C-alpha cells in the first residue's frame, strides 16, 4: 500500500515535470524565429540606413522647389506685363 501511495505522489511530480518541459519547448519554438528575424533585420539595418541617407541627400533640393516656383511665377508675370505693354 505504501508503494501505490508513493507512485501516486510521483505521478503528480512527473506530470508537472513533463508539462513544464513542454511549456519551455513551446516558448523556445516561438521565440527562436523572432530572434532569427531580429538578427536579420539588425544585419540589414546599416544598408537600409545608408540608402535612406542617400535618398535624403538626393531629395534635399526639393525643399527649394517652392522658392523656384515663386521666382518662376514672378518671371512669367513680368513677361506677361512686358508682352502687354508691347502690344502682344
N, C-alpha and C. Protein backbone atom coordinates (compact mmCIF):
# COMPACT_ATOMS: atom_id res chain seq x y z
N UNK A 1 0.82 -1.18 0.00
CA UNK A 1 0.00 0.00 0.00
C UNK A 1 0.87 1.26 0.00
N UNK A 2 1.98 1.23 0.65
CA UNK A 2 2.88 2.37 0.67
C UNK A 2 3.45 2.62 -0.73
N UNK A 3 3.64 1.53 -1.45
CA UNK A 3 4.18 1.66 -2.81
C UNK A 3 3.19 2.40 -3.72
N UNK A 4 1.90 2.11 -3.66
CA UNK A 4 0.93 2.78 -4.52
C UNK A 4 0.77 4.24 -4.13
N UNK A 5 0.89 4.58 -2.85
CA UNK A 5 0.83 5.97 -2.41
C UNK A 5 2.03 6.73 -2.96
N UNK A 6 3.20 6.11 -2.91
CA UNK A 6 4.41 6.75 -3.43
C UNK A 6 4.31 6.92 -4.94
N UNK A 7 3.76 5.94 -5.64
CA UNK A 7 3.60 6.05 -7.09
C UNK A 7 2.63 7.18 -7.44
N UNK A 8 1.57 7.36 -6.65
CA UNK A 8 0.61 8.43 -6.90
C UNK A 8 1.23 9.80 -6.72
N UNK A 9 2.04 9.98 -5.69
CA UNK A 9 2.66 11.29 -5.48
C UNK A 9 3.74 11.55 -6.53
N UNK A 10 4.43 10.53 -6.97
CA UNK A 10 5.43 10.71 -8.03
C UNK A 10 4.78 10.98 -9.38
N UNK A 11 3.58 10.46 -9.58
CA UNK A 11 2.87 10.73 -10.83
C UNK A 11 2.63 12.22 -11.00
N UNK A 12 2.22 12.89 -9.94
CA UNK A 12 1.99 14.34 -10.00
C UNK A 12 3.27 15.10 -10.32
N UNK A 13 4.37 14.70 -9.69
CA UNK A 13 5.64 15.34 -9.98
C UNK A 13 6.08 15.10 -11.42
N UNK A 14 5.93 13.86 -11.86
CA UNK A 14 6.31 13.54 -13.23
C UNK A 14 5.44 14.29 -14.24
N UNK A 15 4.14 14.36 -13.97
CA UNK A 15 3.24 15.09 -14.86
C UNK A 15 3.62 16.57 -14.89
N UNK A 16 3.90 17.14 -13.75
CA UNK A 16 4.31 18.55 -13.69
C UNK A 16 5.61 18.79 -14.42
N UNK A 17 6.54 17.86 -14.29
CA UNK A 17 7.82 17.98 -14.99
C UNK A 17 7.62 17.92 -16.50
N UNK A 18 6.79 17.00 -16.95
CA UNK A 18 6.53 16.87 -18.39
C UNK A 18 5.83 18.13 -18.92
N UNK A 19 4.84 18.63 -18.19
CA UNK A 19 4.15 19.85 -18.62
C UNK A 19 5.13 21.03 -18.66
N UNK A 20 5.99 21.12 -17.66
CA UNK A 20 6.98 22.19 -17.64
C UNK A 20 7.93 22.12 -18.82
N UNK A 21 8.39 20.93 -19.14
CA UNK A 21 9.29 20.76 -20.28
C UNK A 21 8.58 21.13 -21.58
N UNK A 22 7.32 20.71 -21.73
CA UNK A 22 6.57 21.05 -22.94
C UNK A 22 6.39 22.55 -23.06
N UNK A 23 6.07 23.22 -21.97
CA UNK A 23 5.90 24.67 -22.00
C UNK A 23 7.20 25.36 -22.40
N UNK A 24 8.31 24.91 -21.83
CA UNK A 24 9.60 25.51 -22.18
C UNK A 24 9.91 25.28 -23.66
N UNK A 25 9.65 24.09 -24.17
CA UNK A 25 9.91 23.81 -25.59
C UNK A 25 9.03 24.66 -26.50
N UNK A 26 7.77 24.86 -26.12
CA UNK A 26 6.88 25.70 -26.93
C UNK A 26 7.38 27.14 -26.93
N UNK A 27 7.78 27.64 -25.79
CA UNK A 27 8.29 29.02 -25.72
C UNK A 27 9.55 29.17 -26.57
N UNK A 28 10.44 28.21 -26.48
CA UNK A 28 11.66 28.26 -27.29
C UNK A 28 11.31 28.21 -28.77
N UNK A 29 10.33 27.37 -29.14
CA UNK A 29 9.93 27.26 -30.54
C UNK A 29 9.30 28.56 -31.05
N UNK A 30 8.65 29.32 -30.19
CA UNK A 30 8.04 30.58 -30.60
C UNK A 30 9.02 31.74 -30.60
N UNK A 31 9.96 31.74 -29.68
CA UNK A 31 10.90 32.85 -29.56
C UNK A 31 12.04 32.75 -30.57
N UNK A 32 12.44 31.55 -30.93
CA UNK A 32 13.57 31.37 -31.85
C UNK A 32 13.35 32.07 -33.20
N UNK A 33 12.21 31.91 -33.87
CA UNK A 33 12.04 32.63 -35.14
C UNK A 33 12.07 34.15 -34.97
N UNK A 34 11.55 34.64 -33.86
CA UNK A 34 11.59 36.08 -33.62
C UNK A 34 13.03 36.56 -33.49
N UNK A 35 13.84 35.81 -32.78
CA UNK A 35 15.24 36.19 -32.63
C UNK A 35 16.00 36.10 -33.95
N UNK A 36 15.68 35.11 -34.76
CA UNK A 36 16.33 34.97 -36.06
C UNK A 36 15.98 36.16 -36.95
N UNK A 37 14.70 36.54 -36.98
CA UNK A 37 14.30 37.70 -37.78
C UNK A 37 14.93 38.99 -37.26
N UNK A 38 15.00 39.14 -35.95
CA UNK A 38 15.63 40.33 -35.38
C UNK A 38 17.11 40.40 -35.76
N UNK A 39 17.75 39.26 -35.80
CA UNK A 39 19.16 39.22 -36.21
C UNK A 39 19.31 39.63 -37.67
N UNK A 40 18.44 39.14 -38.53
CA UNK A 40 18.49 39.52 -39.95
C UNK A 40 18.25 41.01 -40.13
N UNK A 41 17.27 41.54 -39.42
CA UNK A 41 16.98 42.97 -39.52
C UNK A 41 18.18 43.77 -39.02
N UNK A 42 18.78 43.32 -37.94
CA UNK A 42 19.95 44.00 -37.40
C UNK A 42 21.11 44.02 -38.39
N UNK A 43 21.27 42.95 -39.13
CA UNK A 43 22.36 42.90 -40.13
C UNK A 43 22.06 43.80 -41.32
N UNK A 44 20.79 43.96 -41.67
CA UNK A 44 20.41 44.78 -42.83
C UNK A 44 20.28 46.26 -42.48
N UNK A 45 20.18 46.59 -41.22
CA UNK A 45 19.94 47.96 -40.80
C UNK A 45 20.99 48.95 -41.32
N UNK A 46 22.28 48.65 -41.29
CA UNK A 46 23.24 49.62 -41.82
C UNK A 46 23.04 49.92 -43.31
N UNK A 47 22.70 48.89 -44.08
CA UNK A 47 22.46 49.13 -45.52
C UNK A 47 21.21 49.96 -45.73
N UNK A 48 20.19 49.69 -44.95
CA UNK A 48 18.96 50.46 -45.06
C UNK A 48 19.21 51.92 -44.69
N UNK A 49 19.97 52.12 -43.62
CA UNK A 49 20.29 53.48 -43.19
C UNK A 49 21.09 54.22 -44.26
N UNK A 50 22.04 53.54 -44.87
CA UNK A 50 22.84 54.18 -45.92
C UNK A 50 21.96 54.57 -47.10
N UNK A 51 21.03 53.69 -47.49
CA UNK A 51 20.13 54.01 -48.60
C UNK A 51 19.23 55.19 -48.25
N UNK A 52 18.78 55.25 -47.03
CA UNK A 52 17.93 56.38 -46.63
C UNK A 52 18.72 57.69 -46.60
N UNK A 53 19.98 57.63 -46.20
CA UNK A 53 20.81 58.84 -46.22
C UNK A 53 21.02 59.32 -47.65
N UNK A 54 21.22 58.39 -48.59
CA UNK A 54 21.36 58.78 -50.00
C UNK A 54 20.08 59.40 -50.52
N UNK A 55 18.95 58.80 -50.16
CA UNK A 55 17.66 59.35 -50.60
C UNK A 55 17.45 60.74 -50.03
N UNK A 56 17.86 60.94 -48.79
CA UNK A 56 17.73 62.27 -48.17
C UNK A 56 18.59 63.28 -48.92
N UNK A 57 19.82 62.90 -49.23
CA UNK A 57 20.71 63.82 -49.95
C UNK A 57 20.19 64.11 -51.35
N UNK A 58 19.61 63.09 -52.00
CA UNK A 58 19.13 63.28 -53.37
C UNK A 58 17.85 64.11 -53.43
N UNK A 59 17.06 64.10 -52.37
CA UNK A 59 15.79 64.83 -52.39
C UNK A 59 15.86 66.15 -51.65
N UNK A 60 16.99 66.50 -51.08
CA UNK A 60 17.14 67.76 -50.35
C UNK A 60 16.82 68.98 -51.23
N UNK A 61 17.23 69.00 -52.50
CA UNK A 61 16.91 70.18 -53.33
C UNK A 61 15.40 70.40 -53.53
N UNK A 62 14.59 69.39 -53.29
CA UNK A 62 13.15 69.57 -53.45
C UNK A 62 12.59 70.57 -52.44
N UNK A 63 13.30 70.80 -51.34
CA UNK A 63 12.85 71.76 -50.35
C UNK A 63 12.82 73.18 -50.94
N UNK A 64 13.70 73.45 -51.89
CA UNK A 64 13.76 74.77 -52.51
C UNK A 64 12.81 74.89 -53.70
N UNK A 65 12.05 73.86 -53.99
CA UNK A 65 11.17 73.89 -55.16
C UNK A 65 10.11 74.97 -55.04
N UNK A 66 9.59 75.19 -53.86
CA UNK A 66 8.57 76.24 -53.70
C UNK A 66 9.15 77.61 -54.00
N UNK A 67 10.40 77.86 -53.60
CA UNK A 67 11.05 79.13 -53.94
C UNK A 67 11.22 79.26 -55.44
N UNK A 68 11.60 78.18 -56.09
CA UNK A 68 11.77 78.20 -57.54
C UNK A 68 10.44 78.52 -58.23
N UNK A 69 9.37 77.94 -57.75
CA UNK A 69 8.05 78.20 -58.33
C UNK A 69 7.66 79.66 -58.14
N UNK A 70 7.95 80.22 -56.97
CA UNK A 70 7.65 81.65 -56.74
C UNK A 70 8.41 82.53 -57.71
N UNK A 71 9.71 82.24 -57.88
CA UNK A 71 10.51 83.03 -58.80
C UNK A 71 10.01 82.87 -60.24
N UNK A 72 9.65 81.66 -60.60
CA UNK A 72 9.14 81.42 -61.96
C UNK A 72 7.83 82.17 -62.17
N UNK A 73 6.95 82.19 -61.17
CA UNK A 73 5.70 82.95 -61.29
C UNK A 73 5.97 84.44 -61.45
N UNK A 74 6.95 84.94 -60.70
CA UNK A 74 7.31 86.36 -60.81
C UNK A 74 7.84 86.68 -62.20
N UNK A 75 8.69 85.79 -62.72
CA UNK A 75 9.25 86.00 -64.06
C UNK A 75 8.16 85.95 -65.12
N UNK A 76 7.27 84.96 -65.02
CA UNK A 76 6.20 84.82 -66.00
C UNK A 76 5.28 86.04 -65.95
N UNK A 77 4.98 86.52 -64.75
CA UNK A 77 4.12 87.71 -64.63
C UNK A 77 4.80 88.93 -65.27
N UNK A 78 6.10 89.06 -65.06
CA UNK A 78 6.84 90.16 -65.69
C UNK A 78 6.84 90.05 -67.20
N UNK A 79 6.97 88.84 -67.71
CA UNK A 79 6.94 88.65 -69.16
C UNK A 79 5.57 89.00 -69.73
N UNK A 80 4.52 88.63 -69.00
CA UNK A 80 3.16 88.98 -69.47
C UNK A 80 2.97 90.49 -69.51
N UNK A 81 3.45 91.16 -68.46
CA UNK A 81 3.33 92.63 -68.45
C UNK A 81 4.10 93.23 -69.62
N UNK A 82 5.30 92.72 -69.88
CA UNK A 82 6.09 93.23 -70.99
C UNK A 82 5.41 92.98 -72.32
N UNK A 83 4.84 91.80 -72.49
CA UNK A 83 4.15 91.49 -73.73
C UNK A 83 2.93 92.39 -73.91
N UNK A 84 2.20 92.64 -72.83
CA UNK A 84 1.03 93.51 -72.89
C UNK A 84 1.44 94.93 -73.26
N UNK A 85 2.50 95.42 -72.69
CA UNK A 85 2.97 96.78 -72.99
C UNK A 85 3.45 96.90 -74.43
N UNK A 86 4.00 95.83 -74.94
CA UNK A 86 4.49 95.85 -76.33
C UNK A 86 3.37 95.61 -77.34
N UNK A 87 2.17 95.33 -76.80
CA UNK A 87 1.03 95.16 -77.69
C UNK A 87 0.87 93.71 -78.16
N UNK A 88 1.47 92.76 -77.45
CA UNK A 88 1.39 91.37 -77.88
C UNK A 88 0.42 90.53 -77.19
